[in-house]
Amino acid sequence: MARFRITTKQMNNCNGVRIEPGMTVEVVTQSMSNPVSTNGGQVVADAFMRIYGIDIKKCGALSMVYLNVEQL
């Protein structure tokens, strides 16, 4: 099992969703691969919804352009 910290890099405001730089979630996955690119990033989207109540997919920010991934 691998643990990752995902942090937003920049502000984004679209489709009624506002993302601020520095918003951070931690996820645990079964694989060692990047959780943003695995299974469409669903585990990351679920974590942002659970912690911040935002749909990061709706904003189009579920990509490495907006997110920094760090393996812990």
N, C-alpha and C. Protein backbone atom coordinates (compact mmCIF):
# COMPACT_ATOMS: atom_id res chain seq x y z
N MET A 1 0.84 -1.19 0.00
CA MET A 1 0.00 0.00 0.00
C MET A 1 0.88 1.24 0.00
N ALA A 2 0.42 2.25 -0.68
CA ALA A 2 1.17 3.50 -0.78
C ALA A 2 0.29 4.66 -0.33
N ARG A 3 0.92 5.63 0.29
CA ARG A 3 0.21 6.83 0.75
C ARG A 3 0.73 8.02 -0.04
N PHE A 4 -0.18 8.84 -0.52
CA PHE A 4 0.16 10.01 -1.33
C PHE A 4 -0.47 11.25 -0.73
N ARG A 5 0.25 12.38 -0.87
CA ARG A 5 -0.28 13.69 -0.51
C ARG A 5 -0.47 14.45 -1.82
N ILE A 6 -1.68 14.91 -2.05
CA ILE A 6 -2.00 15.66 -3.26
C ILE A 6 -2.34 17.09 -2.84
N THR A 7 -1.65 18.06 -3.46
CA THR A 7 -1.80 19.47 -3.12
C THR A 7 -2.10 20.27 -4.38
N THR A 8 -3.03 21.20 -4.29
CA THR A 8 -3.34 22.05 -5.43
C THR A 8 -2.24 23.08 -5.60
N LYS A 9 -1.89 23.37 -6.86
CA LYS A 9 -0.79 24.30 -7.18
C LYS A 9 -1.25 25.74 -7.35
N GLN A 10 -2.44 25.92 -7.91
CA GLN A 10 -2.87 27.27 -8.26
C GLN A 10 -4.36 27.43 -8.09
N MET A 11 -4.81 28.68 -8.07
CA MET A 11 -6.22 28.96 -7.95
C MET A 11 -6.94 28.63 -9.26
N ASN A 12 -8.14 28.12 -9.13
CA ASN A 12 -8.98 27.83 -10.28
C ASN A 12 -10.42 28.06 -9.85
N ASN A 13 -11.16 28.74 -10.69
CA ASN A 13 -12.56 29.05 -10.39
C ASN A 13 -13.38 28.83 -11.65
N CYS A 14 -14.09 27.70 -11.71
CA CYS A 14 -14.91 27.42 -12.88
C CYS A 14 -16.06 26.49 -12.50
N ASN A 15 -17.15 26.59 -13.22
CA ASN A 15 -18.34 25.77 -13.00
C ASN A 15 -18.82 25.82 -11.55
N GLY A 16 -18.66 26.95 -10.91
CA GLY A 16 -19.12 27.12 -9.54
C GLY A 16 -18.23 26.48 -8.49
N VAL A 17 -17.06 26.01 -8.89
CA VAL A 17 -16.12 25.38 -7.97
C VAL A 17 -14.89 26.27 -7.84
N ARG A 18 -14.52 26.58 -6.61
CA ARG A 18 -13.33 27.41 -6.39
C ARG A 18 -12.26 26.57 -5.70
N ILE A 19 -11.09 26.53 -6.30
CA ILE A 19 -9.96 25.80 -5.76
C ILE A 19 -8.87 26.79 -5.42
N GLU A 20 -8.37 26.71 -4.20
CA GLU A 20 -7.31 27.59 -3.73
C GLU A 20 -5.99 26.84 -3.72
N PRO A 21 -4.87 27.52 -3.94
CA PRO A 21 -3.57 26.85 -3.85
C PRO A 21 -3.31 26.39 -2.41
N GLY A 22 -2.75 25.20 -2.30
CA GLY A 22 -2.42 24.66 -0.98
C GLY A 22 -3.45 23.73 -0.39
N MET A 23 -4.58 23.54 -1.05
CA MET A 23 -5.57 22.57 -0.55
C MET A 23 -4.94 21.18 -0.65
N THR A 24 -4.95 20.43 0.44
CA THR A 24 -4.22 19.17 0.50
C THR A 24 -5.11 18.03 0.98
N VAL A 25 -4.97 16.88 0.32
CA VAL A 25 -5.62 15.65 0.77
C VAL A 25 -4.57 14.54 0.77
N GLU A 26 -4.81 13.52 1.56
CA GLU A 26 -3.95 12.34 1.57
C GLU A 26 -4.81 11.14 1.21
N VAL A 27 -4.27 10.28 0.34
CA VAL A 27 -4.99 9.08 -0.07
C VAL A 27 -4.06 7.87 0.08
N VAL A 28 -4.68 6.73 0.32
CA VAL A 28 -3.95 5.46 0.39
C VAL A 28 -4.46 4.60 -0.75
N THR A 29 -3.52 4.04 -1.53
CA THR A 29 -3.89 3.22 -2.68
C THR A 29 -3.23 1.85 -2.58
N GLN A 30 -3.76 0.92 -3.34
CA GLN A 30 -3.20 -0.43 -3.39
C GLN A 30 -1.95 -0.48 -4.26
N SER A 31 -1.83 0.44 -5.22
CA SER A 31 -0.70 0.41 -6.14
C SER A 31 0.27 1.56 -5.85
N MET A 32 1.45 1.45 -6.42
CA MET A 32 2.47 2.47 -6.23
C MET A 32 2.40 3.57 -7.29
N SER A 33 1.47 3.46 -8.23
CA SER A 33 1.39 4.43 -9.32
C SER A 33 0.63 5.68 -8.90
N ASN A 34 0.77 6.73 -9.67
CA ASN A 34 0.18 8.03 -9.42
C ASN A 34 -1.35 7.92 -9.31
N PRO A 35 -1.95 8.30 -8.18
CA PRO A 35 -3.40 8.17 -8.02
C PRO A 35 -4.21 9.13 -8.88
N VAL A 36 -3.59 10.19 -9.38
CA VAL A 36 -4.30 11.14 -10.24
C VAL A 36 -4.56 10.52 -11.61
N SER A 37 -3.63 9.70 -12.08
CA SER A 37 -3.78 9.09 -13.40
C SER A 37 -4.33 7.66 -13.36
N THR A 38 -4.49 7.08 -12.18
CA THR A 38 -5.01 5.73 -12.04
C THR A 38 -6.51 5.76 -11.85
N ASN A 39 -7.24 4.97 -12.61
CA ASN A 39 -8.71 4.87 -12.51
C ASN A 39 -9.39 6.24 -12.65
N GLY A 40 -8.87 7.08 -13.49
CA GLY A 40 -9.46 8.39 -13.72
C GLY A 40 -9.36 9.33 -12.53
N GLY A 41 -8.49 9.00 -11.57
CA GLY A 41 -8.31 9.85 -10.40
C GLY A 41 -9.47 9.83 -9.43
N GLN A 42 -10.28 8.79 -9.48
CA GLN A 42 -11.48 8.74 -8.65
C GLN A 42 -11.19 8.81 -7.15
N VAL A 43 -10.14 8.16 -6.70
CA VAL A 43 -9.80 8.19 -5.28
C VAL A 43 -9.42 9.60 -4.83
N VAL A 44 -8.78 10.36 -5.70
CA VAL A 44 -8.42 11.75 -5.40
C VAL A 44 -9.67 12.63 -5.40
N ALA A 45 -10.53 12.44 -6.39
CA ALA A 45 -11.77 13.21 -6.45
C ALA A 45 -12.64 12.94 -5.22
N ASP A 46 -12.70 11.69 -4.79
CA ASP A 46 -13.47 11.35 -3.59
C ASP A 46 -12.89 12.01 -2.35
N ALA A 47 -11.56 12.07 -2.26
CA ALA A 47 -10.92 12.70 -1.10
C ALA A 47 -11.22 14.20 -1.06
N PHE A 48 -11.16 14.88 -2.20
CA PHE A 48 -11.49 16.31 -2.21
C PHE A 48 -12.95 16.54 -1.87
N MET A 49 -13.83 15.66 -2.32
CA MET A 49 -15.25 15.79 -1.99
C MET A 49 -15.48 15.57 -0.49
N ARG A 50 -14.81 14.58 0.07
CA ARG A 50 -14.98 14.25 1.49
C ARG A 50 -14.44 15.35 2.40
N ILE A 51 -13.27 15.90 2.07
CA ILE A 51 -12.63 16.86 2.96
C ILE A 51 -13.10 18.30 2.72
N TYR A 52 -13.19 18.71 1.46
CA TYR A 52 -13.53 20.11 1.15
C TYR A 52 -14.94 20.30 0.60
N GLY A 53 -15.60 19.21 0.22
CA GLY A 53 -16.95 19.32 -0.34
C GLY A 53 -16.97 19.89 -1.74
N ILE A 54 -15.88 19.72 -2.49
CA ILE A 54 -15.83 20.22 -3.86
C ILE A 54 -15.63 19.07 -4.84
N ASP A 55 -16.19 19.26 -6.02
CA ASP A 55 -16.04 18.27 -7.09
C ASP A 55 -14.92 18.74 -8.01
N ILE A 56 -13.73 18.23 -7.78
CA ILE A 56 -12.56 18.68 -8.53
C ILE A 56 -12.63 18.25 -10.00
N LYS A 57 -13.37 17.19 -10.29
CA LYS A 57 -13.55 16.76 -11.68
C LYS A 57 -14.41 17.76 -12.44
N LYS A 58 -15.46 18.26 -11.79
CA LYS A 58 -16.36 19.22 -12.42
C LYS A 58 -15.62 20.48 -12.84
N CYS A 59 -14.62 20.84 -12.07
CA CYS A 59 -13.82 22.03 -12.38
C CYS A 59 -12.75 21.76 -13.43
N GLY A 60 -12.51 20.50 -13.72
CA GLY A 60 -11.48 20.17 -14.70
C GLY A 60 -10.07 20.27 -14.14
N ALA A 61 -9.95 20.22 -12.83
CA ALA A 61 -8.64 20.39 -12.19
C ALA A 61 -8.04 19.06 -11.73
N LEU A 62 -8.57 17.97 -12.20
CA LEU A 62 -8.03 16.66 -11.81
C LEU A 62 -6.97 16.26 -12.82
N SER A 63 -5.86 17.00 -12.80
CA SER A 63 -4.74 16.72 -13.70
C SER A 63 -3.45 17.20 -13.04
N MET A 64 -2.35 16.76 -13.58
CA MET A 64 -1.05 17.13 -13.03
C MET A 64 -0.73 18.61 -13.26
N VAL A 65 -1.47 19.28 -14.11
CA VAL A 65 -1.28 20.71 -14.32
C VAL A 65 -1.66 21.47 -13.04
N TYR A 66 -2.72 21.03 -12.37
CA TYR A 66 -3.23 21.71 -11.19
C TYR A 66 -2.82 21.06 -9.87
N LEU A 67 -2.33 19.81 -9.93
CA LEU A 67 -2.06 19.07 -8.70
C LEU A 67 -0.61 18.64 -8.60
N ASN A 68 -0.10 18.67 -7.39
CA ASN A 68 1.24 18.16 -7.08
C ASN A 68 1.07 16.88 -6.27
N VAL A 69 1.71 15.79 -6.72
CA VAL A 69 1.59 14.51 -6.04
C VAL A 69 2.92 14.15 -5.40
N GLU A 70 2.84 13.82 -4.12
CA GLU A 70 4.04 13.45 -3.36
C GLU A 70 3.78 12.13 -2.65
N GLN A 71 4.66 11.16 -2.86
CA GLN A 71 4.51 9.87 -2.17
C GLN A 71 5.13 9.98 -0.79
N LEU A 72 4.39 9.54 0.21
CA LEU A 72 4.87 9.63 1.60
C LEU A 72 5.44 8.31 2.06
